[in-house]
Amino acid sequence: MSQLPNTAFGWRLSQRQELWLLAGVAIVILGAGLGFRDPWPADEPRFALVAKQMIESGNWLIPHRGSELYSDKPPFFMAAQAFFYTVFGNWRVAFLLPSLLAGLGMLGLVYDLGRRLWNHRVGVYAAAALLCTFQFVYQAKRAQIDPTVCFFLTLANYGLLRHFLLGPDWRAFWLGCFAAGLGVITKGVGVLALLMFVPYLFARLRDWPGVARPERSIGHWLLGIVAFVAATALWLGPMLYAVASQSAPEYRAYMNDILFHQTAGRYTESWDHHQPPWYYLGVIAFAWLPLVLALPWALPRWRDALRARDARVLLPLSWIVLIVLFFTFPKGKRDVYIMPALPLLALLIGAQLEAIAQRPGFRRLVLGFVAVLSAAFLIVGGLAWGGHLAAANRLVEQRGLEAGGRQLWMFVTGVGVVGLVAVVTLRVRRSLAALAATLAALWLGWSLWAYPVLNDSTSAVAVMRRAGEIIGKDAELGLVAWKEQNLLHADRPAKDFGFVKPWHQQLAEAQRWQAQAPQQRWLFVLRTAFGPCVDADKAQYVGHANRREWYLLRADAFRAGCDPAVQTDADDGDANAE
């Protein structure tokens, strides 16, 4: 195997060694902390609870959240979590595995696409650039749907680009279409991968070189539609059959909500997460650090490539722009919506990164970034450690951290120290090594040190454990104004009275349920959901978790003659706010 100099770090490694090193670092960074924490809000406990109930009920097709049907998202991601639980028998491992595998899969796809379109070194640089990006690593270590749907979109782009630029390759094309369909049944946005046809048709009509011109019949193209539909039918077909076979109206409401309200309705109406039109500029500028530091040098190179009619740049770059524009138009915006564009951006930057890394200006910029980031961590950690930072003090109070959160601030300060030591010792010549060391300290410290410190208060494990200790092992527990983490971490089967139902209606039903066995049944209730019918002096405090105060109520805590059901909706807080 020929020796290839690693110009970023000054090492000499073979291609195989470079690949194994990249894979090992990715597994360590993305896999660190697996099993160290429970699901954290906002979304993780919801999906884990749905997955847990899939196993308990045996219904993996139409999911539940407590006693209600859950129609916000298709069940594919939750079913994957449930599957991994059946394999490993541990929720702390199972709930994070889909995101971990999706992250590793994206890195592999970016590497292979870079290798095929350019060469091995481009593949390595592209995957390494993606692994260094804040949003990618953060999301790959979270149990949200977005990394999984991002993997399917990346796989779809992988197949389409192999066909459009390196083909004709019909198997890759059909794989891309099938992956787009899997993206649809994961979150509904998988169809966006097919926007790659727009720049492809443009390049083909303008007779750009390097674009495949398949001579096969129209039937081969139509098989792509068949593959797309087949993937969506894996869930859509059985779901429609199950709804049709059920006479209960809530199943039809589930179908209408997930097919129309949660897809087209969410895009056109955008009832939450409202942001200004320029919102994604800030996401790209900060969440995509440090990858975007290379843009001042990459943009002129892309311009020259487009002038030279290089379709390898046109197709991925056009798709990135289309994705950002697509999610810019609606009022509702979240940073993760444009995450599927990130792997292709890393691919394009990776194609130029070896040359860019030789530029002194780029190296100085990278070192300056590491210095500023490290100094910020050191200053914030030091001030917080001494109790001189108001925001940190509020965090300690909200999370109920012991000893003023000193263990957390040790982690923050430690990252700053590592980064500044790297800056001083490695300097401009090895600024990329300084960046790698600082990012490694950040993610490993976050995973191995901060996870255990924050877990009890963030996950509600401690407060639910305390509730179980108070009521005793033989008591029954009902939940009012609850969050998914409360039901997920309850130490016994708990009764709920709806999740989206107004709090006063939940409380009224809970009161009637408790009255049937007042000596045996307790209610676990959010403090702001008491209303006028609960005597707060008779409520027993359980604890603070997720910025909320939780109490236990016996039957005598309700005021005589007061009916919680007569309250108006205005008396309720927002049960779903995090």
Protein backbone atom coordinates (compact mmCIF):
# COMPACT_ATOMS: atom_id res chain seq x y z
CA MET A 1 0.00 0.00 0.00
CA SER A 2 1.46 3.32 -1.03
CA GLN A 3 2.18 5.82 1.65
CA LEU A 4 0.15 9.03 1.52
CA PRO A 5 1.26 12.00 3.63
CA ASN A 6 -1.39 13.33 5.91
CA THR A 7 -0.91 17.04 5.31
CA ALA A 8 -3.28 18.10 8.10
CA PHE A 9 -1.42 16.47 10.95
CA GLY A 10 2.00 15.69 9.56
CA TRP A 11 1.62 11.91 9.81
CA ARG A 12 2.34 9.32 7.14
CA LEU A 13 -0.37 6.65 6.90
CA SER A 14 -1.50 4.21 4.28
CA GLN A 15 -4.97 4.53 2.83
CA ARG A 16 -6.17 1.58 4.89
CA GLN A 17 -4.69 3.04 8.07
CA GLU A 18 -6.30 6.41 7.39
CA LEU A 19 -9.66 4.73 6.95
CA TRP A 20 -9.35 2.65 10.10
CA LEU A 21 -8.23 5.70 12.07
CA LEU A 22 -11.20 7.68 10.84
CA ALA A 23 -13.59 4.85 11.69
CA GLY A 24 -12.10 4.40 15.15
CA VAL A 25 -12.28 8.08 16.00
CA ALA A 26 -15.88 8.27 14.76
CA ILE A 27 -16.96 5.30 16.87
CA VAL A 28 -15.28 6.74 19.98
CA ILE A 29 -16.68 10.26 19.56
CA LEU A 30 -20.22 9.28 18.56
CA GLY A 31 -20.45 6.22 20.80
CA ALA A 32 -18.99 7.76 23.97
CA GLY A 33 -21.53 7.90 26.77
CA LEU A 34 -23.72 5.13 25.40
CA GLY A 35 -25.49 3.70 28.44
CA PHE A 36 -24.54 6.67 30.65
CA ARG A 37 -27.85 8.51 30.55
CA ASP A 38 -31.59 8.18 30.12
CA PRO A 39 -33.72 9.99 27.52
CA TRP A 40 -33.67 13.76 27.95
CA PRO A 41 -36.39 16.23 26.90
CA ALA A 42 -37.74 17.56 24.71
CA ASP A 43 -38.21 14.72 22.22
CA GLU A 44 -36.19 11.79 23.53
CA PRO A 45 -38.55 10.65 26.33
CA ARG A 46 -41.51 10.85 23.95
CA PHE A 47 -39.97 8.53 21.40
CA ALA A 48 -38.59 6.16 24.03
CA LEU A 49 -42.00 5.99 25.72
CA VAL A 50 -43.69 5.19 22.42
CA ALA A 51 -41.09 2.49 21.74
CA LYS A 52 -41.56 1.03 25.23
CA GLN A 53 -45.31 0.88 24.74
CA MET A 54 -44.83 -0.81 21.38
CA ILE A 55 -43.10 -3.69 23.15
CA GLU A 56 -45.59 -3.80 26.01
CA SER A 57 -48.68 -3.71 23.77
CA GLY A 58 -47.32 -5.64 20.81
CA ASN A 59 -48.69 -2.91 18.50
CA TRP A 60 -45.74 -1.59 16.48
CA LEU A 61 -47.87 -0.17 13.70
CA ILE A 62 -50.03 2.54 15.28
CA PRO A 63 -48.16 3.90 18.30
CA HIS A 64 -49.49 5.22 21.59
CA ARG A 65 -48.33 7.89 24.03
CA GLY A 66 -49.87 6.75 27.26
CA SER A 67 -53.55 6.09 26.66
CA GLU A 68 -53.72 8.24 23.50
CA LEU A 69 -52.70 7.48 19.93
CA TYR A 70 -49.50 9.28 18.93
CA SER A 71 -49.78 10.75 15.44
CA ASP A 72 -47.08 13.42 15.40
CA LYS A 73 -44.54 11.20 13.61
CA PRO A 74 -44.53 7.89 11.70
CA PRO A 75 -43.48 4.98 13.93
CA PHE A 76 -40.36 3.87 12.02
CA PHE A 77 -37.83 5.50 14.35
CA MET A 78 -39.59 4.34 17.52
CA ALA A 79 -39.87 0.83 16.09
CA ALA A 80 -36.09 0.87 15.55
CA GLN A 81 -35.57 1.79 19.21
CA ALA A 82 -37.95 -1.00 20.25
CA PHE A 83 -36.09 -3.46 18.03
CA PHE A 84 -32.73 -2.62 19.60
CA TYR A 85 -34.28 -3.07 23.05
CA THR A 86 -35.36 -6.58 22.11
CA VAL A 87 -31.74 -7.23 21.09
CA PHE A 88 -29.89 -5.62 24.01
CA GLY A 89 -32.52 -5.48 26.76
CA ASN A 90 -31.31 -2.06 27.95
CA TRP A 91 -33.16 1.19 27.20
CA ARG A 92 -30.12 3.34 27.92
CA VAL A 93 -28.41 1.63 25.00
CA ALA A 94 -31.37 0.97 22.72
CA PHE A 95 -32.80 4.49 22.57
CA LEU A 96 -29.53 5.99 21.24
CA LEU A 97 -28.49 3.27 18.80
CA PRO A 98 -30.54 4.44 15.77
CA SER A 99 -28.88 7.87 15.87
CA LEU A 100 -25.43 6.39 16.45
CA LEU A 101 -25.75 4.03 13.49
CA ALA A 102 -27.23 6.79 11.35
CA GLY A 103 -24.26 9.04 12.14
CA LEU A 104 -21.73 6.33 11.31
CA GLY A 105 -23.68 5.51 8.17
CA MET A 106 -23.59 9.11 6.97
CA LEU A 107 -19.85 9.26 7.51
CA GLY A 108 -19.41 6.09 5.48
CA LEU A 109 -21.59 7.36 2.65
CA VAL A 110 -19.79 10.71 2.50
CA TYR A 111 -16.41 8.97 2.44
CA ASP A 112 -17.42 6.55 -0.32
CA LEU A 113 -19.04 9.24 -2.43
CA GLY A 114 -15.96 11.45 -2.11
CA ARG A 115 -13.75 8.51 -3.04
CA ARG A 116 -15.80 7.68 -6.12
CA LEU A 117 -16.27 11.25 -7.34
CA TRP A 118 -12.69 12.37 -6.59
CA ASN A 119 -10.32 10.12 -4.66
CA HIS A 120 -9.66 8.43 -1.33
CA ARG A 121 -8.14 11.54 0.23
CA VAL A 122 -11.22 13.63 -0.59
CA GLY A 123 -13.40 10.97 1.00
CA VAL A 124 -11.35 11.04 4.19
CA TYR A 125 -11.30 14.82 4.38
CA ALA A 126 -15.05 15.06 3.69
CA ALA A 127 -15.97 12.51 6.38
CA ALA A 128 -13.54 14.09 8.87
CA ALA A 129 -15.00 17.54 8.17
CA LEU A 130 -18.49 16.21 8.83
CA LEU A 131 -17.35 14.56 12.05
CA CYS A 132 -15.95 17.88 13.28
CA THR A 133 -19.20 19.80 12.74
CA PHE A 134 -21.11 20.76 15.88
CA GLN A 135 -24.64 20.02 14.66
CA PHE A 136 -23.73 16.65 13.22
CA VAL A 137 -22.07 15.30 16.37
CA TYR A 138 -24.65 16.79 18.71
CA GLN A 139 -27.57 15.28 16.81
CA ALA A 140 -25.84 11.92 16.31
CA LYS A 141 -25.56 11.70 20.10
CA ARG A 142 -29.25 12.53 20.59
CA ALA A 143 -32.22 10.19 20.21
CA GLN A 144 -34.22 12.35 17.83
CA ILE A 145 -35.65 11.35 14.46
CA ASP A 146 -33.55 13.83 12.49
CA PRO A 147 -30.27 11.85 12.30
CA THR A 148 -32.17 8.82 11.00
CA VAL A 149 -34.08 10.76 8.35
CA CYS A 150 -30.84 12.57 7.47
CA PHE A 151 -29.19 9.19 6.91
CA PHE A 152 -31.95 8.08 4.54
CA LEU A 153 -31.73 11.37 2.62
CA THR A 154 -27.94 11.00 2.42
CA LEU A 155 -28.36 7.42 1.19
CA ALA A 156 -30.88 8.65 -1.39
CA ASN A 157 -28.46 11.35 -2.54
CA TYR A 158 -25.68 8.78 -2.64
CA GLY A 159 -27.65 6.53 -4.98
CA LEU A 160 -28.87 9.36 -7.19
CA LEU A 161 -25.44 10.98 -7.51
CA ARG A 162 -23.80 7.68 -8.38
CA HIS A 163 -26.37 7.24 -11.14
CA PHE A 164 -26.34 10.85 -12.37
CA LEU A 165 -22.57 11.44 -12.23
CA LEU A 166 -20.92 8.02 -12.41
CA GLY A 167 -23.57 6.02 -14.21
CA PRO A 168 -25.68 4.92 -15.62
CA ASP A 169 -26.02 2.83 -12.47
CA TRP A 170 -29.63 1.73 -12.24
CA ARG A 171 -29.22 -0.25 -9.04
CA ALA A 172 -27.83 2.81 -7.30
CA PHE A 173 -30.72 4.87 -8.71
CA TRP A 174 -33.33 2.43 -7.45
CA LEU A 175 -31.57 2.31 -4.07
CA GLY A 176 -31.72 6.11 -3.91
CA CYS A 177 -35.43 6.15 -4.68
CA PHE A 178 -36.09 3.41 -2.12
CA ALA A 179 -34.11 5.32 0.53
CA ALA A 180 -36.15 8.46 -0.23
CA GLY A 181 -39.27 6.42 0.48
CA LEU A 182 -37.82 5.25 3.78
CA GLY A 183 -37.22 8.90 4.60
CA VAL A 184 -40.91 9.55 4.00
CA ILE A 185 -42.05 6.93 6.49
CA THR A 186 -39.45 8.18 8.98
CA LYS A 187 -40.42 11.85 9.05
CA GLY A 188 -42.20 12.70 5.82
CA VAL A 189 -39.44 14.74 4.17
CA GLY A 190 -37.65 11.95 2.34
CA VAL A 191 -39.22 13.04 -0.94
CA LEU A 192 -36.93 16.09 -0.86
CA ALA A 193 -34.07 13.88 -2.02
CA LEU A 194 -35.75 13.78 -5.42
CA LEU A 195 -35.01 17.48 -5.82
CA MET A 196 -31.65 16.24 -7.09
CA PHE A 197 -33.44 15.77 -10.43
CA VAL A 198 -33.60 19.57 -10.83
CA PRO A 199 -29.85 20.26 -11.23
CA TYR A 200 -29.40 16.95 -13.05
CA LEU A 201 -31.94 17.84 -15.72
CA PHE A 202 -30.45 21.33 -15.98
CA ALA A 203 -26.94 19.92 -16.51
CA ARG A 204 -28.17 17.34 -18.99
CA LEU A 205 -30.20 19.82 -21.04
CA ARG A 206 -27.20 22.20 -21.09
CA ASP A 207 -24.97 19.32 -22.17
CA TRP A 208 -22.58 19.53 -19.20
CA PRO A 209 -19.75 16.98 -19.29
CA GLY A 210 -19.65 14.29 -16.63
CA VAL A 211 -23.42 13.80 -16.54
CA ALA A 212 -24.78 10.32 -17.26
CA ARG A 213 -27.13 9.93 -20.22
CA PRO A 214 -28.80 6.57 -19.74
CA GLU A 215 -30.04 4.95 -22.94
CA ARG A 216 -32.33 2.44 -21.28
CA SER A 217 -36.10 2.65 -21.71
CA ILE A 218 -38.51 4.76 -19.70
CA GLY A 219 -39.33 1.64 -17.74
CA HIS A 220 -36.04 1.83 -15.85
CA TRP A 221 -36.89 5.34 -14.72
CA LEU A 222 -40.39 4.26 -13.70
CA LEU A 223 -38.91 1.52 -11.56
CA GLY A 224 -37.51 4.33 -9.43
CA ILE A 225 -41.09 5.40 -8.70
CA VAL A 226 -41.93 1.79 -7.91
CA ALA A 227 -39.01 1.61 -5.47
CA PHE A 228 -40.10 4.87 -3.80
CA VAL A 229 -43.71 3.74 -3.46
CA ALA A 230 -42.65 0.30 -2.23
CA ALA A 231 -40.64 1.85 0.60
CA THR A 232 -43.52 4.09 1.71
CA ALA A 233 -45.92 1.15 1.46
CA LEU A 234 -43.92 -0.79 4.05
CA TRP A 235 -45.73 1.28 6.69
CA LEU A 236 -48.46 3.13 4.83
CA GLY A 237 -50.15 0.01 3.48
CA PRO A 238 -50.48 -1.86 6.80
CA MET A 239 -51.44 1.35 8.58
CA LEU A 240 -54.30 2.09 6.17
CA TYR A 241 -55.48 -1.51 6.45
CA ALA A 242 -55.41 -1.35 10.26
CA VAL A 243 -57.40 1.91 10.26
CA ALA A 244 -59.94 0.49 7.83
CA SER A 245 -60.41 -2.60 9.98
CA GLN A 246 -60.98 -0.59 13.16
CA SER A 247 -64.37 0.89 13.92
CA ALA A 248 -63.03 3.29 16.57
CA PRO A 249 -63.09 6.92 15.34
CA GLU A 250 -59.74 7.72 16.96
CA TYR A 251 -57.97 5.53 14.40
CA ARG A 252 -59.41 7.49 11.50
CA ALA A 253 -58.47 10.70 13.29
CA TYR A 254 -54.95 9.30 13.66
CA MET A 255 -54.77 8.62 9.92
CA ASN A 256 -56.00 12.09 8.97
CA ASP A 257 -53.66 13.79 11.40
CA ILE A 258 -50.48 11.99 10.41
CA LEU A 259 -51.11 12.05 6.66
CA PHE A 260 -52.35 15.62 6.30
CA HIS A 261 -52.11 17.76 9.43
CA GLN A 262 -48.59 16.69 10.46
CA THR A 263 -47.13 16.88 6.92
CA ALA A 264 -48.63 19.42 4.54
CA GLY A 265 -50.42 21.18 7.39
CA ARG A 266 -47.27 21.59 9.47
CA TYR A 267 -45.40 23.01 6.46
CA THR A 268 -48.08 25.44 5.28
CA GLU A 269 -49.52 26.49 8.63
CA SER A 270 -46.34 26.34 10.77
CA TRP A 271 -48.08 26.53 14.12
CA ASP A 272 -44.87 26.49 16.16
CA HIS A 273 -41.15 27.39 16.08
CA HIS A 274 -41.76 30.66 14.23
CA GLN A 275 -38.51 32.26 13.06
CA PRO A 276 -37.57 35.13 10.69
CA PRO A 277 -36.62 34.42 7.03
CA TRP A 278 -32.89 34.81 7.77
CA TYR A 279 -32.95 32.26 10.59
CA TYR A 280 -30.96 29.61 8.72
CA LEU A 281 -28.11 32.01 8.05
CA GLY A 282 -27.46 31.96 11.78
CA VAL A 283 -27.76 28.16 11.89
CA ILE A 284 -25.20 27.79 9.10
CA ALA A 285 -22.87 30.35 10.66
CA PHE A 286 -22.84 28.78 14.14
CA ALA A 287 -24.29 25.25 14.22
CA TRP A 288 -22.20 24.26 11.20
CA LEU A 289 -18.94 25.40 12.79
CA PRO A 290 -16.09 24.70 12.31
CA LEU A 291 -16.92 23.36 8.84
CA VAL A 292 -18.00 26.78 7.58
CA LEU A 293 -14.61 28.27 8.41
CA ALA A 294 -13.47 26.86 5.07
CA LEU A 295 -16.17 28.69 3.08
CA PRO A 296 -14.10 31.82 2.27
CA TRP A 297 -11.65 29.58 0.40
CA ALA A 298 -14.19 27.04 -0.88
CA LEU A 299 -16.63 29.51 -2.47
CA PRO A 300 -14.20 30.84 -5.11
CA ARG A 301 -13.23 27.28 -5.98
CA TRP A 302 -16.89 26.31 -6.42
CA ARG A 303 -17.40 29.35 -8.61
CA ASP A 304 -14.50 28.28 -10.80
CA ALA A 305 -15.82 24.71 -10.89
CA LEU A 306 -19.25 25.90 -12.02
CA ARG A 307 -17.67 28.02 -14.71
CA ALA A 308 -15.81 24.91 -15.83
CA ARG A 309 -19.17 23.07 -15.91
CA ASP A 310 -18.20 20.58 -13.22
CA ALA A 311 -21.40 18.66 -12.47
CA ARG A 312 -19.82 17.13 -9.35
CA VAL A 313 -20.16 20.56 -7.77
CA LEU A 314 -23.37 21.68 -9.47
CA LEU A 315 -25.61 18.84 -8.33
CA PRO A 316 -24.75 18.71 -4.59
CA LEU A 317 -24.47 22.50 -4.28
CA SER A 318 -27.80 23.09 -6.01
CA TRP A 319 -29.48 20.54 -3.76
CA ILE A 320 -28.11 22.25 -0.66
CA VAL A 321 -29.50 25.61 -1.83
CA LEU A 322 -32.88 24.06 -2.67
CA ILE A 323 -33.16 22.46 0.76
CA VAL A 324 -32.34 25.68 2.59
CA LEU A 325 -34.82 27.62 0.44
CA PHE A 326 -37.52 24.98 0.92
CA PHE A 327 -37.39 25.30 4.70
CA THR A 328 -36.97 29.08 4.62
CA PHE A 329 -40.43 29.81 3.20
CA PRO A 330 -42.63 28.55 6.07
CA LYS A 331 -42.72 30.52 9.30
CA GLY A 332 -41.93 27.47 11.40
CA LYS A 333 -38.21 26.70 11.43
CA ARG A 334 -35.87 24.52 13.47
CA ASP A 335 -32.14 24.16 13.09
CA VAL A 336 -32.40 20.43 12.37
CA TYR A 337 -34.64 20.94 9.34
CA ILE A 338 -31.67 21.78 7.11
CA MET A 339 -29.36 19.17 8.61
CA PRO A 340 -29.77 16.86 5.55
CA ALA A 341 -27.77 19.44 3.56
CA LEU A 342 -24.81 19.11 5.91
CA PRO A 343 -23.30 15.83 4.56
CA LEU A 344 -23.24 17.18 1.00
CA LEU A 345 -21.69 20.44 2.18
CA ALA A 346 -18.98 18.42 3.93
CA LEU A 347 -18.49 16.49 0.69
CA LEU A 348 -17.99 19.67 -1.35
CA ILE A 349 -15.67 21.24 1.21
CA GLY A 350 -13.80 17.95 1.57
CA ALA A 351 -13.04 18.03 -2.15
CA GLN A 352 -11.10 21.27 -1.58
CA LEU A 353 -9.94 20.84 1.99
CA GLU A 354 -6.49 19.38 1.38
CA ALA A 355 -5.54 22.45 -0.67
CA ILE A 356 -7.33 24.84 1.69
CA ALA A 357 -5.53 23.34 4.68
CA GLN A 358 -2.22 24.48 3.21
CA ARG A 359 -3.27 28.12 3.23
CA PRO A 360 -1.71 30.03 6.18
CA GLY A 361 -4.80 32.23 6.41
CA PHE A 362 -7.05 29.23 6.91
CA ARG A 363 -4.75 27.74 9.53
CA ARG A 364 -4.66 31.03 11.41
CA LEU A 365 -8.44 31.25 11.28
CA VAL A 366 -8.77 27.73 12.66
CA LEU A 367 -6.31 28.45 15.46
CA GLY A 368 -8.13 31.68 16.27
CA PHE A 369 -11.42 29.81 16.43
CA VAL A 370 -9.96 27.24 18.82
CA ALA A 371 -8.49 30.01 20.97
CA VAL A 372 -11.78 31.94 21.19
CA LEU A 373 -13.80 28.78 21.86
CA SER A 374 -11.38 27.60 24.54
CA ALA A 375 -11.21 31.01 26.21
CA ALA A 376 -15.01 31.17 26.30
CA PHE A 377 -15.19 27.77 27.98
CA LEU A 378 -12.48 28.70 30.46
CA ILE A 379 -14.05 32.05 31.39
CA VAL A 380 -17.61 30.71 31.63
CA GLY A 381 -16.48 27.67 33.61
CA GLY A 382 -14.40 29.74 36.00
CA LEU A 383 -17.11 32.33 36.65
CA ALA A 384 -19.77 29.65 37.07
CA TRP A 385 -17.55 27.62 39.39
CA GLY A 386 -17.21 30.65 41.64
CA GLY A 387 -20.95 31.42 41.52
CA HIS A 388 -20.38 34.72 39.69
CA LEU A 389 -22.47 33.98 36.58
CA ALA A 390 -26.18 34.63 36.92
CA ALA A 391 -27.18 32.36 34.03
CA ALA A 392 -25.15 29.50 35.52
CA ASN A 393 -26.72 30.04 38.94
CA ARG A 394 -30.18 29.85 37.38
CA LEU A 395 -29.22 26.63 35.62
CA VAL A 396 -28.04 25.12 38.90
CA GLU A 397 -31.30 26.10 40.57
CA GLN A 398 -33.50 24.89 37.71
CA ARG A 399 -31.71 21.55 37.44
CA GLY A 400 -31.23 21.05 41.16
CA LEU A 401 -27.52 20.35 40.75
CA GLU A 402 -25.55 19.47 43.86
CA ALA A 403 -22.68 21.58 45.20
CA GLY A 404 -23.52 24.49 42.94
CA GLY A 405 -22.94 22.38 39.85
CA ARG A 406 -19.18 22.30 40.43
CA GLN A 407 -18.78 18.98 38.64
CA LEU A 408 -20.41 20.46 35.55
CA TRP A 409 -18.23 23.54 35.69
CA MET A 410 -15.15 21.33 36.04
CA PHE A 411 -16.01 19.84 32.67
CA VAL A 412 -16.53 23.26 31.07
CA THR A 413 -13.29 24.62 32.52
CA GLY A 414 -11.41 21.47 31.53
CA VAL A 415 -12.39 21.87 27.88
CA GLY A 416 -11.06 25.42 27.96
CA VAL A 417 -7.77 24.32 29.48
CA VAL A 418 -7.29 21.54 26.91
CA GLY A 419 -8.05 23.92 24.06
CA LEU A 420 -5.68 26.64 25.21
CA VAL A 421 -2.89 24.14 25.84
CA ALA A 422 -3.42 22.84 22.30
CA VAL A 423 -3.27 26.36 20.91
CA VAL A 424 -0.01 27.14 22.70
CA THR A 425 1.73 23.86 21.90
CA LEU A 426 0.52 23.10 18.37
CA ARG A 427 0.31 26.64 17.02
CA VAL A 428 -0.54 27.62 13.45
CA ARG A 429 1.33 24.83 11.67
CA ARG A 430 -0.81 22.17 13.35
CA SER A 431 -3.94 24.15 13.99
CA LEU A 432 -6.13 21.31 12.68
CA ALA A 433 -4.64 19.02 15.30
CA ALA A 434 -5.42 21.66 17.94
CA LEU A 435 -9.00 21.77 16.66
CA ALA A 436 -9.28 17.97 16.79
CA ALA A 437 -7.94 17.83 20.37
CA THR A 438 -10.33 20.53 21.56
CA LEU A 439 -13.36 18.96 19.92
CA ALA A 440 -12.42 15.56 21.31
CA ALA A 441 -12.19 17.04 24.82
CA LEU A 442 -15.57 18.72 24.34
CA TRP A 443 -17.48 15.67 23.15
CA LEU A 444 -15.78 13.10 25.37
CA GLY A 445 -16.16 15.33 28.41
CA TRP A 446 -19.79 16.00 27.57
CA SER A 447 -20.50 12.29 27.16
CA LEU A 448 -18.47 10.74 29.96
CA TRP A 449 -18.51 13.53 32.55
CA ALA A 450 -21.58 15.74 32.02
CA TYR A 451 -24.05 12.94 31.23
CA PRO A 452 -23.94 11.46 34.76
CA VAL A 453 -23.97 14.90 36.38
CA LEU A 454 -27.08 16.09 34.55
CA ASN A 455 -28.97 12.85 34.11
CA ASP A 456 -31.13 12.58 37.23
CA SER A 457 -32.60 16.08 37.08
CA THR A 458 -32.82 16.26 33.29
CA SER A 459 -34.41 12.87 32.76
CA ALA A 460 -36.83 12.93 35.75
CA VAL A 461 -35.39 9.63 36.98
CA ALA A 462 -34.76 11.01 40.47
CA VAL A 463 -38.17 12.61 40.92
CA MET A 464 -40.02 9.48 39.79
CA ARG A 465 -37.87 7.33 42.07
CA ARG A 466 -38.73 9.65 44.95
CA ALA A 467 -42.43 9.45 44.12
CA GLY A 468 -42.29 5.68 44.25
CA GLU A 469 -40.57 5.76 47.63
CA ILE A 470 -43.19 8.11 49.09
CA ILE A 471 -46.29 6.16 48.04
CA GLY A 472 -44.89 2.71 48.77
CA LYS A 473 -44.59 -0.33 46.56
CA ASP A 474 -48.26 -1.41 46.84
CA ALA A 475 -49.90 1.94 45.95
CA GLU A 476 -51.34 2.92 42.57
CA LEU A 477 -50.16 6.03 40.78
CA GLY A 478 -52.06 8.40 38.48
CA LEU A 479 -50.45 11.16 36.39
CA VAL A 480 -51.91 14.63 35.76
CA ALA A 481 -50.31 17.31 33.54
CA TRP A 482 -47.52 14.84 33.03
CA LYS A 483 -44.58 14.75 30.68
CA GLU A 484 -43.42 11.71 28.76
CA GLN A 485 -40.42 11.23 31.03
CA ASN A 486 -42.72 10.83 34.04
CA LEU A 487 -44.59 7.89 32.56
CA LEU A 488 -41.40 6.47 31.06
CA HIS A 489 -39.55 6.42 34.40
CA ALA A 490 -42.42 5.54 36.70
CA ASP A 491 -41.46 2.54 38.83
CA ARG A 492 -44.84 0.87 38.26
CA PRO A 493 -47.65 0.83 35.67
CA ALA A 494 -49.19 4.29 35.99
CA LYS A 495 -52.66 5.53 35.05
CA ASP A 496 -52.87 8.58 32.81
CA PHE A 497 -55.89 10.66 31.86
CA GLY A 498 -54.73 11.88 28.47
CA PHE A 499 -51.76 13.95 27.40
CA VAL A 500 -53.07 16.66 25.09
CA LYS A 501 -56.31 16.90 27.07
CA PRO A 502 -56.64 20.16 29.08
CA TRP A 503 -55.26 19.90 32.58
CA HIS A 504 -58.51 20.62 34.39
CA GLN A 505 -60.20 17.75 32.54
CA GLN A 506 -57.33 15.44 33.42
CA LEU A 507 -57.60 16.50 37.06
CA ALA A 508 -61.36 15.92 37.13
CA GLU A 509 -61.00 12.40 35.72
CA ALA A 510 -58.12 11.72 38.10
CA GLN A 511 -60.20 12.82 41.08
CA ARG A 512 -62.98 10.40 40.14
CA TRP A 513 -60.48 7.60 39.62
CA GLN A 514 -58.83 8.26 42.98
CA ALA A 515 -62.16 8.38 44.78
CA GLN A 516 -62.79 4.75 43.84
CA ALA A 517 -59.88 3.64 46.09
CA PRO A 518 -58.75 6.70 48.07
CA GLN A 519 -56.47 4.82 50.45
CA GLN A 520 -54.65 3.07 47.63
CA ARG A 521 -54.34 5.69 44.91
CA TRP A 522 -52.08 8.73 44.65
CA LEU A 523 -51.91 11.45 42.02
CA PHE A 524 -48.63 12.80 40.68
CA VAL A 525 -49.41 16.37 39.61
CA LEU A 526 -47.59 19.39 38.22
CA ARG A 527 -47.82 22.30 40.65
CA THR A 528 -49.21 24.74 38.09
CA ALA A 529 -52.06 22.34 37.32
CA PHE A 530 -53.57 22.39 40.81
CA GLY A 531 -56.29 24.93 40.07
CA PRO A 532 -58.69 26.18 42.77
CA CYS A 533 -59.88 22.68 43.76
CA VAL A 534 -56.60 21.51 45.25
CA ASP A 535 -55.50 22.56 48.72
CA ALA A 536 -51.78 23.13 48.21
CA ASP A 537 -51.14 22.81 51.95
CA LYS A 538 -52.19 19.16 51.77
CA ALA A 539 -50.04 18.35 48.76
CA GLN A 540 -46.79 16.50 49.34
CA TYR A 541 -43.74 17.88 47.56
CA VAL A 542 -41.82 15.32 45.50
CA GLY A 543 -39.10 17.30 43.81
CA HIS A 544 -37.88 19.55 41.03
CA ALA A 545 -37.17 18.21 37.55
CA ASN A 546 -37.17 19.66 34.04
CA ARG A 547 -37.71 23.16 35.45
CA ARG A 548 -40.96 22.04 37.09
CA GLU A 549 -42.25 21.36 40.60
CA TRP A 550 -44.00 18.03 41.16
CA TYR A 551 -46.35 17.01 43.97
CA LEU A 552 -48.31 14.00 45.19
CA LEU A 553 -51.96 14.31 46.15
CA ARG A 554 -54.11 12.12 48.37
CA ALA A 555 -57.88 12.23 48.03
CA ASP A 556 -58.21 14.67 50.95
CA ALA A 557 -56.20 17.30 49.05
CA PHE A 558 -59.28 18.17 46.97
CA ARG A 559 -61.55 20.82 48.42
CA ALA A 560 -64.99 19.52 49.29
CA GLY A 561 -67.67 20.38 46.72
CA CYS A 562 -65.21 21.72 44.15
CA ASP A 563 -65.29 20.13 40.70
CA PRO A 564 -62.11 20.60 38.61
CA ALA A 565 -64.15 19.95 35.46
CA VAL A 566 -65.92 23.32 35.67
CA GLN A 567 -62.65 25.20 35.12
CA THR A 568 -62.09 26.86 31.78
CA ASP A 569 -59.22 26.16 29.40
CA ALA A 570 -57.75 29.49 30.43
CA ASP A 571 -56.93 27.92 33.80
CA ASP A 572 -54.58 25.45 32.15
CA GLY A 573 -50.92 25.95 31.42
CA ASP A 574 -49.12 24.58 28.43
CA ALA A 575 -48.80 20.88 29.05
CA ASN A 576 -46.43 20.37 26.16
CA ALA A 577 -43.98 23.22 26.64
CA GLU A 578 -40.43 22.28 27.50
